Amino acid sequence: MTNKKREKNKMPNPENLKPFSKDYQPEKNGRPKGSKNRSTIARKWLEAAESIKNPITGESEYLSQEDIMTLALIKKARNGDVQAYQKLMDSGYGMPTQQIDVTAERPIFNALDLDVPKDNGTK
């Protein structure tokens, strides 16, 4: 391929370039104003309440979907589901923090000896 052909292929043909129509403007499109986030919609439906028999107390109560799901998770944990218990504990009391031991005695880089002599330079 010659240099002239390469240069010709780099640039688009101006005859093929057309402006966007008034209906389609890419910078103006996107999420419409006033539309809700997925989390807002999820929260709305989690707050929706219904009358249901509480599996723990056995009484009929007016509970939100979030309450119903939490009670279902508690029921699973009481039946021996360890993951359900773990999720309940994490959401109720927070996840445990992980400790990192930074007092390791071995060098980070094996090729470098960074130990300082303990005799303070007196020999």
PDB file of N, CA and C in Angstrom:
ATOM      1  N   MET A   1       0.852  -1.172   0.000  1.00  0.00           N
ATOM      2  CA  MET A   1       0.000   0.000   0.000  1.00  0.00           C
ATOM      3  C   MET A   1       0.901   1.239   0.000  1.00  0.00           C
ATOM      4  N   THR A   2       0.599   2.175  -0.828  1.00  0.00           N
ATOM      5  CA  THR A   2       1.420   3.385  -0.932  1.00  0.00           C
ATOM      6  C   THR A   2       1.010   4.380   0.145  1.00  0.00           C
ATOM      7  N   ASN A   3       1.882   5.378   0.356  1.00  0.00           N
ATOM      8  CA  ASN A   3       1.604   6.399   1.374  1.00  0.00           C
ATOM      9  C   ASN A   3       0.348   7.195   1.035  1.00  0.00           C
ATOM     10  N   LYS A   4       0.126   7.443  -0.290  1.00  0.00           N
ATOM     11  CA  LYS A   4      -1.055   8.201  -0.685  1.00  0.00           C
ATOM     12  C   LYS A   4      -2.343   7.465  -0.307  1.00  0.00           C
ATOM     13  N   LYS A   5      -2.347   6.143  -0.500  1.00  0.00           N
ATOM     14  CA  LYS A   5      -3.525   5.355  -0.154  1.00  0.00           C
ATOM     15  C   LYS A   5      -3.743   5.348   1.354  1.00  0.00           C
ATOM     16  N   ARG A   6      -2.649   5.236   2.127  1.00  0.00           N
ATOM     17  CA  ARG A   6      -2.769   5.243   3.592  1.00  0.00           C
ATOM     18  C   ARG A   6      -3.354   6.564   4.075  1.00  0.00           C
ATOM     19  N   GLU A   7      -2.840   7.675   3.529  1.00  0.00           N
ATOM     20  CA  GLU A   7      -3.347   8.979   3.943  1.00  0.00           C
ATOM     21  C   GLU A   7      -4.811   9.131   3.541  1.00  0.00           C
ATOM     22  N   LYS A   8      -5.162   8.609   2.400  1.00  0.00           N
ATOM     23  CA  LYS A   8      -6.532   8.709   1.935  1.00  0.00           C
ATOM     24  C   LYS A   8      -7.463   7.891   2.837  1.00  0.00           C
ATOM     25  N   ASN A   9      -7.000   6.742   3.323  1.00  0.00           N
ATOM     26  CA  ASN A   9      -7.822   5.883   4.174  1.00  0.00           C
ATOM     27  C   ASN A   9      -7.926   6.410   5.602  1.00  0.00           C
ATOM     28  N   LYS A  10      -7.020   7.273   6.033  1.00  0.00           N
ATOM     29  CA  LYS A  10      -7.067   7.800   7.396  1.00  0.00           C
ATOM     30  C   LYS A  10      -8.245   8.742   7.588  1.00  0.00           C
ATOM     31  N   MET A  11      -8.535   9.546   6.632  1.00  0.00           N
ATOM     32  CA  MET A  11      -9.581  10.551   6.759  1.00  0.00           C
ATOM     33  C   MET A  11     -10.885  10.042   6.147  1.00  0.00           C
ATOM     34  N   PRO A  12     -12.025  10.320   6.781  1.00  0.00           N
ATOM     35  CA  PRO A  12     -13.300   9.904   6.201  1.00  0.00           C
ATOM     36  C   PRO A  12     -13.635  10.752   4.979  1.00  0.00           C
ATOM     37  N   ASN A  13     -14.424  10.199   4.140  1.00  0.00           N
ATOM     38  CA  ASN A  13     -14.862  10.904   2.945  1.00  0.00           C
ATOM     39  C   ASN A  13     -15.872  11.977   3.363  1.00  0.00           C
ATOM     40  N   PRO A  14     -15.566  13.259   3.139  1.00  0.00           N
ATOM     41  CA  PRO A  14     -16.472  14.333   3.565  1.00  0.00           C
ATOM     42  C   PRO A  14     -17.876  14.221   2.966  1.00  0.00           C
ATOM     43  N   GLU A  15     -18.002  13.578   1.816  1.00  0.00           N
ATOM     44  CA  GLU A  15     -19.315  13.437   1.194  1.00  0.00           C
ATOM     45  C   GLU A  15     -20.218  12.499   1.997  1.00  0.00           C
ATOM     46  N   ASN A  16     -19.593  11.571   2.746  1.00  0.00           N
ATOM     47  CA  ASN A  16     -20.379  10.615   3.535  1.00  0.00           C
ATOM     48  C   ASN A  16     -20.762  11.164   4.902  1.00  0.00           C
ATOM     49  N   LEU A  17     -20.150  12.256   5.339  1.00  0.00           N
ATOM     50  CA  LEU A  17     -20.430  12.814   6.653  1.00  0.00           C
ATOM     51  C   LEU A  17     -21.700  13.646   6.611  1.00  0.00           C
ATOM     52  N   LYS A  18     -22.627  13.321   7.533  1.00  0.00           N
ATOM     53  CA  LYS A  18     -23.890  14.050   7.591  1.00  0.00           C
ATOM     54  C   LYS A  18     -24.127  14.469   9.036  1.00  0.00           C
ATOM     55  N   PRO A  19     -24.696  15.648   9.250  1.00  0.00           N
ATOM     56  CA  PRO A  19     -24.984  16.057  10.623  1.00  0.00           C
ATOM     57  C   PRO A  19     -26.112  15.196  11.208  1.00  0.00           C
ATOM     58  N   PHE A  20     -26.165  15.138  12.537  1.00  0.00           N
ATOM     59  CA  PHE A  20     -27.233  14.395  13.198  1.00  0.00           C
ATOM     60  C   PHE A  20     -28.559  15.091  12.949  1.00  0.00           C
ATOM     61  N   SER A  21     -29.632  14.293  12.929  1.00  0.00           N
ATOM     62  CA  SER A  21     -30.959  14.871  12.764  1.00  0.00           C
ATOM     63  C   SER A  21     -31.354  15.599  14.050  1.00  0.00           C
ATOM     64  N   LYS A  22     -32.387  16.417  13.966  1.00  0.00           N
ATOM     65  CA  LYS A  22     -32.837  17.158  15.148  1.00  0.00           C
ATOM     66  C   LYS A  22     -33.408  16.212  16.203  1.00  0.00           C
ATOM     67  N   ASP A  23     -33.934  15.061  15.772  1.00  0.00           N
ATOM     68  CA  ASP A  23     -34.497  14.096  16.719  1.00  0.00           C
ATOM     69  C   ASP A  23     -33.409  13.348  17.474  1.00  0.00           C
ATOM     70  N   TYR A  24     -32.287  13.108  16.812  1.00  0.00           N
ATOM     71  CA  TYR A  24     -31.210  12.331  17.434  1.00  0.00           C
ATOM     72  C   TYR A  24     -30.008  13.230  17.673  1.00  0.00           C
ATOM     73  N   GLN A  25     -29.821  13.604  18.910  1.00  0.00           N
ATOM     74  CA  GLN A  25     -28.672  14.395  19.322  1.00  0.00           C
ATOM     75  C   GLN A  25     -27.976  13.615  20.438  1.00  0.00           C
ATOM     76  N   PRO A  26     -26.843  12.949  20.160  1.00  0.00           N
ATOM     77  CA  PRO A  26     -26.232  12.059  21.156  1.00  0.00           C
ATOM     78  C   PRO A  26     -25.920  12.731  22.489  1.00  0.00           C
ATOM     79  N   GLU A  27     -25.470  13.964  22.484  1.00  0.00           N
ATOM     80  CA  GLU A  27     -25.128  14.603  23.757  1.00  0.00           C
ATOM     81  C   GLU A  27     -26.368  14.950  24.562  1.00  0.00           C
ATOM     82  N   LYS A  28     -27.518  15.048  23.913  1.00  0.00           N
ATOM     83  CA  LYS A  28     -28.744  15.374  24.623  1.00  0.00           C
ATOM     84  C   LYS A  28     -29.489  14.121  25.062  1.00  0.00           C
ATOM     85  N   ASN A  29     -29.184  12.973  24.456  1.00  0.00           N
ATOM     86  CA  ASN A  29     -29.843  11.728  24.846  1.00  0.00           C
ATOM     87  C   ASN A  29     -29.208  11.210  26.127  1.00  0.00           C
ATOM     88  N   GLY A  30     -29.724  10.162  26.662  1.00  0.00           N
ATOM     89  CA  GLY A  30     -29.247   9.616  27.920  1.00  0.00           C
ATOM     90  C   GLY A  30     -30.439   9.402  28.817  1.00  0.00           C
ATOM     91  N   ARG A  31     -30.176   9.372  30.093  1.00  0.00           N
ATOM     92  CA  ARG A  31     -31.257   9.145  31.027  1.00  0.00           C
ATOM     93  C   ARG A  31     -32.119  10.395  31.134  1.00  0.00           C
ATOM     94  N   PRO A  32     -33.429  10.268  30.968  1.00  0.00           N
ATOM     95  CA  PRO A  32     -34.303  11.432  31.034  1.00  0.00           C
ATOM     96  C   PRO A  32     -34.337  12.041  32.433  1.00  0.00           C
ATOM     97  N   LYS A  33     -34.561  13.332  32.492  1.00  0.00           N
ATOM     98  CA  LYS A  33     -34.680  14.008  33.785  1.00  0.00           C
ATOM     99  C   LYS A  33     -35.879  13.451  34.533  1.00  0.00           C
ATOM    100  N   GLY A  34     -35.694  13.288  35.822  1.00  0.00           N
ATOM    101  CA  GLY A  34     -36.783  12.799  36.656  1.00  0.00           C
ATOM    102  C   GLY A  34     -36.884  11.294  36.732  1.00  0.00           C
ATOM    103  N   SER A  35     -36.099  10.572  35.939  1.00  0.00           N
ATOM    104  CA  SER A  35     -36.159   9.113  36.029  1.00  0.00           C
ATOM    105  C   SER A  35     -35.453   8.660  37.306  1.00  0.00           C
ATOM    106  N   LYS A  36     -35.866   7.547  37.835  1.00  0.00           N
ATOM    107  CA  LYS A  36     -35.377   7.101  39.137  1.00  0.00           C
ATOM    108  C   LYS A  36     -34.258   6.084  39.005  1.00  0.00           C
ATOM    109  N   ASN A  37     -33.358   6.107  39.983  1.00  0.00           N
ATOM    110  CA  ASN A  37     -32.303   5.108  40.058  1.00  0.00           C
ATOM    111  C   ASN A  37     -32.905   3.754  40.386  1.00  0.00           C
ATOM    112  N   ARG A  38     -32.167   2.708  40.067  1.00  0.00           N
ATOM    113  CA  ARG A  38     -32.612   1.362  40.386  1.00  0.00           C
ATOM    114  C   ARG A  38     -32.746   1.192  41.900  1.00  0.00           C
ATOM    115  N   SER A  39     -31.828   1.808  42.665  1.00  0.00           N
ATOM    116  CA  SER A  39     -31.895   1.675  44.122  1.00  0.00           C
ATOM    117  C   SER A  39     -33.142   2.352  44.680  1.00  0.00           C
ATOM    118  N   THR A  40     -33.564   3.458  44.089  1.00  0.00           N
ATOM    119  CA  THR A  40     -34.782   4.145  44.535  1.00  0.00           C
ATOM    120  C   THR A  40     -36.002   3.264  44.290  1.00  0.00           C
ATOM    121  N   ILE A  41     -36.041   2.636  43.143  1.00  0.00           N
ATOM    122  CA  ILE A  41     -37.164   1.756  42.806  1.00  0.00           C
ATOM    123  C   ILE A  41     -37.169   0.535  43.725  1.00  0.00           C
ATOM    124  N   ALA A  42     -35.984  -0.025  43.975  1.00  0.00           N
ATOM    125  CA  ALA A  42     -35.891  -1.194  44.861  1.00  0.00           C
ATOM    126  C   ALA A  42     -36.355  -0.834  46.270  1.00  0.00           C
ATOM    127  N   ARG A  43     -35.924   0.335  46.770  1.00  0.00           N
ATOM    128  CA  ARG A  43     -36.341   0.761  48.107  1.00  0.00           C
ATOM    129  C   ARG A  43     -37.855   0.938  48.189  1.00  0.00           C
ATOM    130  N   LYS A  44     -38.431   1.471  47.113  1.00  0.00           N
ATOM    131  CA  LYS A  44     -39.884   1.673  47.084  1.00  0.00           C
ATOM    132  C   LYS A  44     -40.604   0.336  47.268  1.00  0.00           C
ATOM    133  N   TRP A  45     -40.162  -0.702  46.549  1.00  0.00           N
ATOM    134  CA  TRP A  45     -40.834  -1.989  46.626  1.00  0.00           C
ATOM    135  C   TRP A  45     -40.485  -2.748  47.898  1.00  0.00           C
ATOM    136  N   LEU A  46     -39.312  -2.492  48.456  1.00  0.00           N
ATOM    137  CA  LEU A  46     -38.977  -3.121  49.737  1.00  0.00           C
ATOM    138  C   LEU A  46     -39.815  -2.540  50.869  1.00  0.00           C
ATOM    139  N   GLU A  47     -40.269  -1.297  50.707  1.00  0.00           N
ATOM    140  CA  GLU A  47     -41.098  -0.656  51.725  1.00  0.00           C
ATOM    141  C   GLU A  47     -42.578  -1.002  51.577  1.00  0.00           C
ATOM    142  N   ALA A  48     -42.954  -1.606  50.444  1.00  0.00           N
ATOM    143  CA  ALA A  48     -44.357  -1.982  50.244  1.00  0.00           C
ATOM    144  C   ALA A  48     -44.745  -3.008  51.303  1.00  0.00           C
ATOM    145  N   ALA A  49     -45.859  -2.761  51.958  1.00  0.00           N
ATOM    146  CA  ALA A  49     -46.269  -3.607  53.083  1.00  0.00           C
ATOM    147  C   ALA A  49     -47.444  -4.496  52.707  1.00  0.00           C
ATOM    148  N   GLU A  50     -47.533  -5.607  53.428  1.00  0.00           N
ATOM    149  CA  GLU A  50     -48.669  -6.505  53.264  1.00  0.00           C
ATOM    150  C   GLU A  50     -48.917  -7.230  54.581  1.00  0.00           C
ATOM    151  N   SER A  51     -50.112  -7.728  54.714  1.00  0.00           N
ATOM    152  CA  SER A  51     -50.487  -8.465  55.919  1.00  0.00           C
ATOM    153  C   SER A  51     -50.026  -9.907  55.761  1.00  0.00           C
ATOM    154  N   ILE A  52     -49.247 -10.377  56.731  1.00  0.00           N
ATOM    155  CA  ILE A  52     -48.679 -11.723  56.639  1.00  0.00           C
ATOM    156  C   ILE A  52     -48.556 -12.296  58.038  1.00  0.00           C
ATOM    157  N   LYS A  53     -48.565 -13.616  58.130  1.00  0.00           N
ATOM    158  CA  LYS A  53     -48.382 -14.274  59.424  1.00  0.00           C
ATOM    159  C   LYS A  53     -46.889 -14.298  59.736  1.00  0.00           C
ATOM    160  N   ASN A  54     -46.509 -13.693  60.845  1.00  0.00           N
ATOM    161  CA  ASN A  54     -45.113 -13.660  61.269  1.00  0.00           C
ATOM    162  C   ASN A  54     -44.692 -15.082  61.626  1.00  0.00           C
ATOM    163  N   PRO A  55     -43.635 -15.621  60.952  1.00  0.00           N
ATOM    164  CA  PRO A  55     -43.249 -17.006  61.216  1.00  0.00           C
ATOM    165  C   PRO A  55     -42.640 -17.213  62.607  1.00  0.00           C
ATOM    166  N   ILE A  56     -42.212 -16.150  63.261  1.00  0.00           N
ATOM    167  CA  ILE A  56     -41.602 -16.284  64.587  1.00  0.00           C
ATOM    168  C   ILE A  56     -42.667 -16.205  65.675  1.00  0.00           C
ATOM    169  N   THR A  57     -43.517 -15.178  65.593  1.00  0.00           N
ATOM    170  CA  THR A  57     -44.536 -15.000  66.640  1.00  0.00           C
ATOM    171  C   THR A  57     -45.827 -15.742  66.333  1.00  0.00           C
ATOM    172  N   GLY A  58     -46.081 -16.017  65.052  1.00  0.00           N
ATOM    173  CA  GLY A  58     -47.314 -16.696  64.659  1.00  0.00           C
ATOM    174  C   GLY A  58     -48.505 -15.767  64.545  1.00  0.00           C
ATOM    175  N   GLU A  59     -48.311 -14.482  64.778  1.00  0.00           N
ATOM    176  CA  GLU A  59     -49.404 -13.511  64.708  1.00  0.00           C
ATOM    177  C   GLU A  59     -49.467 -12.879  63.322  1.00  0.00           C
ATOM    178  N   SER A  60     -50.638 -12.463  62.914  1.00  0.00           N
ATOM    179  CA  SER A  60     -50.803 -11.759  61.648  1.00  0.00           C
ATOM    180  C   SER A  60     -50.363 -10.306  61.842  1.00  0.00           C
ATOM    181  N   GLU A  61     -49.452  -9.858  61.010  1.00  0.00           N
ATOM    182  CA  GLU A  61     -48.908  -8.508  61.137  1.00  0.00           C
ATOM    183  C   GLU A  61     -48.842  -7.842  59.771  1.00  0.00           C
ATOM    184  N   TYR A  62     -48.767  -6.532  59.794  1.00  0.00           N
ATOM    185  CA  TYR A  62     -48.604  -5.723  58.586  1.00  0.00           C
ATOM    186  C   TYR A  62     -47.106  -5.439  58.457  1.00  0.00           C
ATOM    187  N   LEU A  63     -46.407  -6.114  57.537  1.00  0.00           N
ATOM    188  CA  LEU A  63     -44.945  -6.041  57.432  1.00  0.00           C
ATOM    189  C   LEU A  63     -44.513  -5.577  56.046  1.00  0.00           C
ATOM    190  N   SER A  64     -43.368  -4.891  56.001  1.00  0.00           N
ATOM    191  CA  SER A  64     -42.795  -4.496  54.710  1.00  0.00           C
ATOM    192  C   SER A  64     -42.121  -5.711  54.079  1.00  0.00           C
ATOM    193  N   GLN A  65     -41.839  -5.625  52.780  1.00  0.00           N
ATOM    194  CA  GLN A  65     -41.164  -6.709  52.078  1.00  0.00           C
ATOM    195  C   GLN A  65     -39.786  -6.967  52.686  1.00  0.00           C
ATOM    196  N   GLU A  66     -39.135  -5.898  53.109  1.00  0.00           N
ATOM    197  CA  GLU A  66     -37.828  -6.023  53.746  1.00  0.00           C
ATOM    198  C   GLU A  66     -37.937  -6.826  55.036  1.00  0.00           C
ATOM    199  N   ASP A  67     -38.974  -6.552  55.833  1.00  0.00           N
ATOM    200  CA  ASP A  67     -39.206  -7.308  57.065  1.00  0.00           C
ATOM    201  C   ASP A  67     -39.488  -8.778  56.766  1.00  0.00           C
ATOM    202  N   ILE A  68     -40.297  -9.020  55.743  1.00  0.00           N
ATOM    203  CA  ILE A  68     -40.658 -10.391  55.374  1.00  0.00           C
ATOM    204  C   ILE A  68     -39.412 -11.171  54.955  1.00  0.00           C
ATOM    205  N   MET A  69     -38.546 -10.534  54.156  1.00  0.00           N
ATOM    206  CA  MET A  69     -37.317 -11.211  53.713  1.00  0.00           C
ATOM    207  C   MET A  69     -36.360 -11.452  54.870  1.00  0.00           C
ATOM    208  N   THR A  70     -36.292 -10.495  55.791  1.00  0.00           N
ATOM    209  CA  THR A  70     -35.432 -10.662  56.956  1.00  0.00           C
ATOM    210  C   THR A  70     -35.939 -11.810  57.825  1.00  0.00           C
ATOM    211  N   LEU A  71     -37.246 -11.893  58.010  1.00  0.00           N
ATOM    212  CA  LEU A  71     -37.820 -12.995  58.774  1.00  0.00           C
ATOM    213  C   LEU A  71     -37.573 -14.339  58.094  1.00  0.00           C
ATOM    214  N   ALA A  72     -37.635 -14.357  56.760  1.00  0.00           N
ATOM    215  CA  ALA A  72     -37.347 -15.596  56.028  1.00  0.00           C
ATOM    216  C   ALA A  72     -35.887 -16.003  56.226  1.00  0.00           C
ATOM    217  N   LEU A  73     -35.002 -15.014  56.253  1.00  0.00           N
ATOM    218  CA  LEU A  73     -33.583 -15.291  56.476  1.00  0.00           C
ATOM    219  C   LEU A  73     -33.357 -15.802  57.902  1.00  0.00           C
ATOM    220  N   ILE A  74     -34.064 -15.230  58.865  1.00  0.00           N
ATOM    221  CA  ILE A  74     -33.970 -15.692  60.250  1.00  0.00           C
ATOM    222  C   ILE A  74     -34.464 -17.137  60.352  1.00  0.00           C
ATOM    223  N   LYS A  75     -35.555 -17.432  59.652  1.00  0.00           N
ATOM    224  CA  LYS A  75     -36.093 -18.796  59.677  1.00  0.00           C
ATOM    225  C   LYS A  75     -35.078 -19.786  59.107  1.00  0.00           C
ATOM    226  N   LYS A  76     -34.422 -19.404  58.000  1.00  0.00           N
ATOM    227  CA  LYS A  76     -33.406 -20.274  57.410  1.00  0.00           C
ATOM    228  C   LYS A  76     -32.234 -20.475  58.367  1.00  0.00           C
ATOM    229  N   ALA A  77     -31.826 -19.389  59.044  1.00  0.00           N
ATOM    230  CA  ALA A  77     -30.711 -19.490  59.987  1.00  0.00           C
ATOM    231  C   ALA A  77     -31.084 -20.393  61.164  1.00  0.00           C
ATOM    232  N   ARG A  78     -32.328 -20.300  61.625  1.00  0.00           N
ATOM    233  CA  ARG A  78     -32.777 -21.148  62.744  1.00  0.00           C
ATOM    234  C   ARG A  78     -32.859 -22.610  62.341  1.00  0.00           C
ATOM    235  N   ASN A  79     -33.011 -22.866  61.043  1.00  0.00           N
ATOM    236  CA  ASN A  79     -33.052 -24.252  60.554  1.00  0.00           C
ATOM    237  C   ASN A  79     -31.658 -24.793  60.240  1.00  0.00           C
ATOM    238  N   GLY A  80     -30.627 -23.994  60.532  1.00  0.00           N
ATOM    239  CA  GLY A  80     -29.262 -24.503  60.386  1.00  0.00           C
ATOM    240  C   GLY A  80     -28.492 -23.989  59.188  1.00  0.00           C
ATOM    241  N   ASP A  81     -29.026 -23.037  58.433  1.00  0.00           N
ATOM    242  CA  ASP A  81     -28.310 -22.487  57.287  1.00  0.00           C
ATOM    243  C   ASP A  81     -27.235 -21.509  57.783  1.00  0.00           C
ATOM    244  N   VAL A  82     -25.974 -21.917  57.660  1.00  0.00           N
ATOM    245  CA  VAL A  82     -24.868 -21.118  58.191  1.00  0.00           C
ATOM    246  C   VAL A  82     -24.699 -19.813  57.420  1.00  0.00           C
ATOM    247  N   GLN A  83     -24.882 -19.851  56.117  1.00  0.00           N
ATOM    248  CA  GLN A  83     -24.739 -18.619  55.319  1.00  0.00           C
ATOM    249  C   GLN A  83     -25.806 -17.600  55.696  1.00  0.00           C
ATOM    250  N   ALA A  84     -27.019 -18.064  55.961  1.00  0.00           N
ATOM    251  CA  ALA A  84     -28.081 -17.147  56.375  1.00  0.00           C
ATOM    252  C   ALA A  84     -27.717 -16.519  57.715  1.00  0.00           C
ATOM    253  N   TYR A  85     -27.191 -17.310  58.633  1.00  0.00           N
ATOM    254  CA  TYR A  85     -26.760 -16.789  59.939  1.00  0.00           C
ATOM    255  C   TYR A  85     -25.662 -15.748  59.747  1.00  0.00           C
ATOM    256  N   GLN A  86     -24.699 -16.069  58.884  1.00  0.00           N
ATOM    257  CA  GLN A  86     -23.576 -15.152  58.643  1.00  0.00           C
ATOM    258  C   GLN A  86     -24.069 -13.821  58.072  1.00  0.00           C
ATOM    259  N   LYS A  87     -24.976 -13.868  57.121  1.00  0.00           N
ATOM    260  CA  LYS A  87     -25.515 -12.642  56.524  1.00  0.00           C
ATOM    261  C   LYS A  87     -26.286 -11.818  57.555  1.00  0.00           C
ATOM    262  N   LEU A  88     -27.042 -12.487  58.400  1.00  0.00           N
ATOM    263  CA  LEU A  88     -27.771 -11.771  59.450  1.00  0.00           C
ATOM    264  C   LEU A  88     -26.818 -11.087  60.414  1.00  0.00           C
ATOM    265  N   MET A  89     -25.783 -11.797  60.827  1.00  0.00           N
ATOM    266  CA  MET A  89     -24.821 -11.226  61.764  1.00  0.00           C
ATOM    267  C   MET A  89     -24.080 -10.051  61.129  1.00  0.00           C
ATOM    268  N   ASP A  90     -23.709 -10.183  59.855  1.00  0.00           N
ATOM    269  CA  ASP A  90     -23.007  -9.099  59.154  1.00  0.00           C
ATOM    270  C   ASP A  90     -23.882  -7.865  59.028  1.00  0.00           C
ATOM    271  N   SER A  91     -25.169  -8.068  58.704  1.00  0.00           N
ATOM    272  CA  SER A  91     -26.036  -6.897  58.541  1.00  0.00           C
ATOM    273  C   SER A  91     -26.450  -6.319  59.893  1.00  0.00           C
ATOM    274  N   GLY A  92     -26.508  -7.132  60.925  1.00  0.00           N
ATOM    275  CA  GLY A  92     -26.898  -6.638  62.236  1.00  0.00           C
ATOM    276  C   GLY A  92     -25.763  -5.984  63.004  1.00  0.00           C
ATOM    277  N   TYR A  93     -24.573  -6.563  62.892  1.00  0.00           N
ATOM    278  CA  TYR A  93     -23.450  -6.095  63.701  1.00  0.00           C
ATOM    279  C   TYR A  93     -22.252  -5.634  62.879  1.00  0.00           C
ATOM    280  N   GLY A  94     -22.349  -5.706  61.574  1.00  0.00           N
ATOM    281  CA  GLY A  94     -21.237  -5.309  60.703  1.00  0.00           C
ATOM    282  C   GLY A  94     -20.279  -6.460  60.493  1.00  0.00           C
ATOM    283  N   MET A  95     -19.579  -6.411  59.380  1.00  0.00           N
ATOM    284  CA  MET A  95     -18.608  -7.467  59.082  1.00  0.00           C
ATOM    285  C   MET A  95     -17.394  -7.302  59.989  1.00  0.00           C
ATOM    286  N   PRO A  96     -16.801  -8.391  60.427  1.00  0.00           N
ATOM    287  CA  PRO A  96     -15.607  -8.274  61.269  1.00  0.00           C
ATOM    288  C   PRO A  96     -14.445  -7.709  60.467  1.00  0.00           C
ATOM    289  N   THR A  97     -13.637  -6.880  61.137  1.00  0.00           N
ATOM    290  CA  THR A  97     -12.471  -6.314  60.457  1.00  0.00           C
ATOM    291  C   THR A  97     -11.372  -7.352  60.397  1.00  0.00           C
ATOM    292  N   GLN A  98     -10.613  -7.316  59.324  1.00  0.00           N
ATOM    293  CA  GLN A  98      -9.511  -8.255  59.155  1.00  0.00           C
ATOM    294  C   GLN A  98      -8.238  -7.614  59.679  1.00  0.00           C
ATOM    295  N   GLN A  99      -7.509  -8.354  60.487  1.00  0.00           N
ATOM    296  CA  GLN A  99      -6.245  -7.879  61.031  1.00  0.00           C
ATOM    297  C   GLN A  99      -5.119  -8.260  60.088  1.00  0.00           C
ATOM    298  N   ILE A 100      -4.171  -7.358  59.889  1.00  0.00           N
ATOM    299  CA  ILE A 100      -2.998  -7.630  59.058  1.00  0.00           C
ATOM    300  C   ILE A 100      -1.770  -7.528  59.951  1.00  0.00           C
ATOM    301  N   ASP A 101      -0.955  -8.587  59.975  1.00  0.00           N
ATOM    302  CA  ASP A 101       0.251  -8.613  60.790  1.00  0.00           C
ATOM    303  C   ASP A 101       1.379  -7.946  60.013  1.00  0.00           C
ATOM    304  N   VAL A 102       1.849  -6.806  60.507  1.00  0.00           N
ATOM    305  CA  VAL A 102       2.923  -6.075  59.823  1.00  0.00           C
ATOM    306  C   VAL A 102       4.259  -6.217  60.547  1.00  0.00           C
ATOM    307  N   THR A 103       4.331  -7.120  61.511  1.00  0.00           N
ATOM    308  CA  THR A 103       5.567  -7.296  62.264  1.00  0.00           C
ATOM    309  C   THR A 103       6.345  -8.524  61.797  1.00  0.00           C
ATOM    310  N   ALA A 104       6.209  -8.875  60.548  1.00  0.00           N
ATOM    311  CA  ALA A 104       6.911 -10.050  60.026  1.00  0.00           C
ATOM    312  C   ALA A 104       8.415  -9.799  60.038  1.00  0.00           C
ATOM    313  N   GLU A 105       9.190 -10.818  60.421  1.00  0.00           N
ATOM    314  CA  GLU A 105      10.638 -10.685  60.550  1.00  0.00           C
ATOM    315  C   GLU A 105      11.393 -10.989  59.261  1.00  0.00           C
ATOM    316  N   ARG A 106      10.775 -11.644  58.320  1.00  0.00           N
ATOM    317  CA  ARG A 106      11.511 -11.970  57.098  1.00  0.00           C
ATOM    318  C   ARG A 106      11.485 -10.787  56.137  1.00  0.00           C
ATOM    319  N   PRO A 107      12.541 -10.627  55.338  1.00  0.00           N
ATOM    320  CA  PRO A 107      12.612  -9.471  54.434  1.00  0.00           C
ATOM    321  C   PRO A 107      11.586  -9.569  53.311  1.00  0.00           C
ATOM    322  N   ILE A 108      11.178  -8.413  52.842  1.00  0.00           N
ATOM    323  CA  ILE A 108      10.224  -8.359  51.742  1.00  0.00           C
ATOM    324  C   ILE A 108      10.918  -8.760  50.448  1.00  0.00           C
ATOM    325  N   PHE A 109      12.121  -8.216  50.244  1.00  0.00           N
ATOM    326  CA  PHE A 109      12.901  -8.542  49.058  1.00  0.00           C
ATOM    327  C   PHE A 109      14.034  -9.456  49.479  1.00  0.00           C
ATOM    328  N   ASN A 110      14.037 -10.685  49.001  1.00  0.00           N
ATOM    329  CA  ASN A 110      15.049 -11.647  49.400  1.00  0.00           C
ATOM    330  C   ASN A 110      16.440 -11.266  48.918  1.00  0.00           C
ATOM    331  N   ALA A 111      16.539 -10.583  47.794  1.00  0.00           N
ATOM    332  CA  ALA A 111      17.848 -10.256  47.223  1.00  0.00           C
ATOM    333  C   ALA A 111      18.532  -9.117  47.977  1.00  0.00           C
ATOM    334  N   LEU A 112      17.801  -8.301  48.700  1.00  0.00           N
ATOM    335  CA  LEU A 112      18.384  -7.161  49.403  1.00  0.00           C
ATOM    336  C   LEU A 112      18.524  -7.461  50.885  1.00  0.00           C
ATOM    337  N   ASP A 113      19.680  -7.184  51.440  1.00  0.00           N
ATOM    338  CA  ASP A 113      19.885  -7.327  52.875  1.00  0.00           C
ATOM    339  C   ASP A 113      19.855  -5.933  53.465  1.00  0.00           C
ATOM    340  N   LEU A 114      18.754  -5.559  54.083  1.00  0.00           N
ATOM    341  CA  LEU A 114      18.570  -4.206  54.585  1.00  0.00           C
ATOM    342  C   LEU A 114      18.818  -4.098  56.085  1.00  0.00           C
ATOM    343  N   ASP A 115      19.353  -5.158  56.688  1.00  0.00           N
ATOM    344  CA  ASP A 115      19.611  -5.115  58.132  1.00  0.00           C
ATOM    345  C   ASP A 115      20.741  -4.149  58.442  1.00  0.00           C
ATOM    346  N   VAL A 116      20.569  -3.359  59.477  1.00  0.00           N
ATOM    347  CA  VAL A 116      21.576  -2.415  59.936  1.00  0.00           C
ATOM    348  C   VAL A 116      22.368  -3.113  61.039  1.00  0.00           C
ATOM    349  N   PRO A 117      23.698  -3.023  61.008  1.00  0.00           N
ATOM    350  CA  PRO A 117      24.473  -3.688  62.058  1.00  0.00           C
ATOM    351  C   PRO A 117      24.113  -3.118  63.428  1.00  0.00           C
ATOM    352  N   LYS A 118      24.047  -3.993  64.421  1.00  0.00           N
ATOM    353  CA  LYS A 118      23.633  -3.585  65.765  1.00  0.00           C
ATOM    354  C   LYS A 118      24.777  -3.040  66.621  1.00  0.00           C
ATOM    355  N   ASP A 119      26.005  -3.069  66.106  1.00  0.00           N
ATOM    356  CA  ASP A 119      27.132  -2.597  66.909  1.00  0.00           C
ATOM    357  C   ASP A 119      27.338  -1.087  66.759  1.00  0.00           C
ATOM    358  N   ASN A 120      26.428  -0.405  66.087  1.00  0.00           N
ATOM    359  CA  ASN A 120      26.476   1.059  65.894  1.00  0.00           C
ATOM    360  C   ASN A 120      27.786   1.506  65.228  1.00  0.00           C
ATOM    361  N   GLY A 121      28.392   0.655  64.446  1.00  0.00           N
ATOM    362  CA  GLY A 121      29.602   1.027  63.705  1.00  0.00           C
ATOM    363  C   GLY A 121      30.875   0.984  64.531  1.00  0.00           C
ATOM    364  N   THR A 122      30.854   0.511  65.755  1.00  0.00           N
ATOM    365  CA  THR A 122      32.078   0.422  66.575  1.00  0.00           C
ATOM    366  C   THR A 122      32.632  -0.976  66.523  1.00  0.00           C
ATOM    367  N   LYS A 123      33.857  -1.108  66.073  1.00  0.00           N
ATOM    368  CA  LYS A 123      34.502  -2.419  66.013  1.00  0.00           C
ATOM    369  C   LYS A 123      35.886  -2.349  66.581  1.00  0.00           C
TER     370      LYS A 123
END
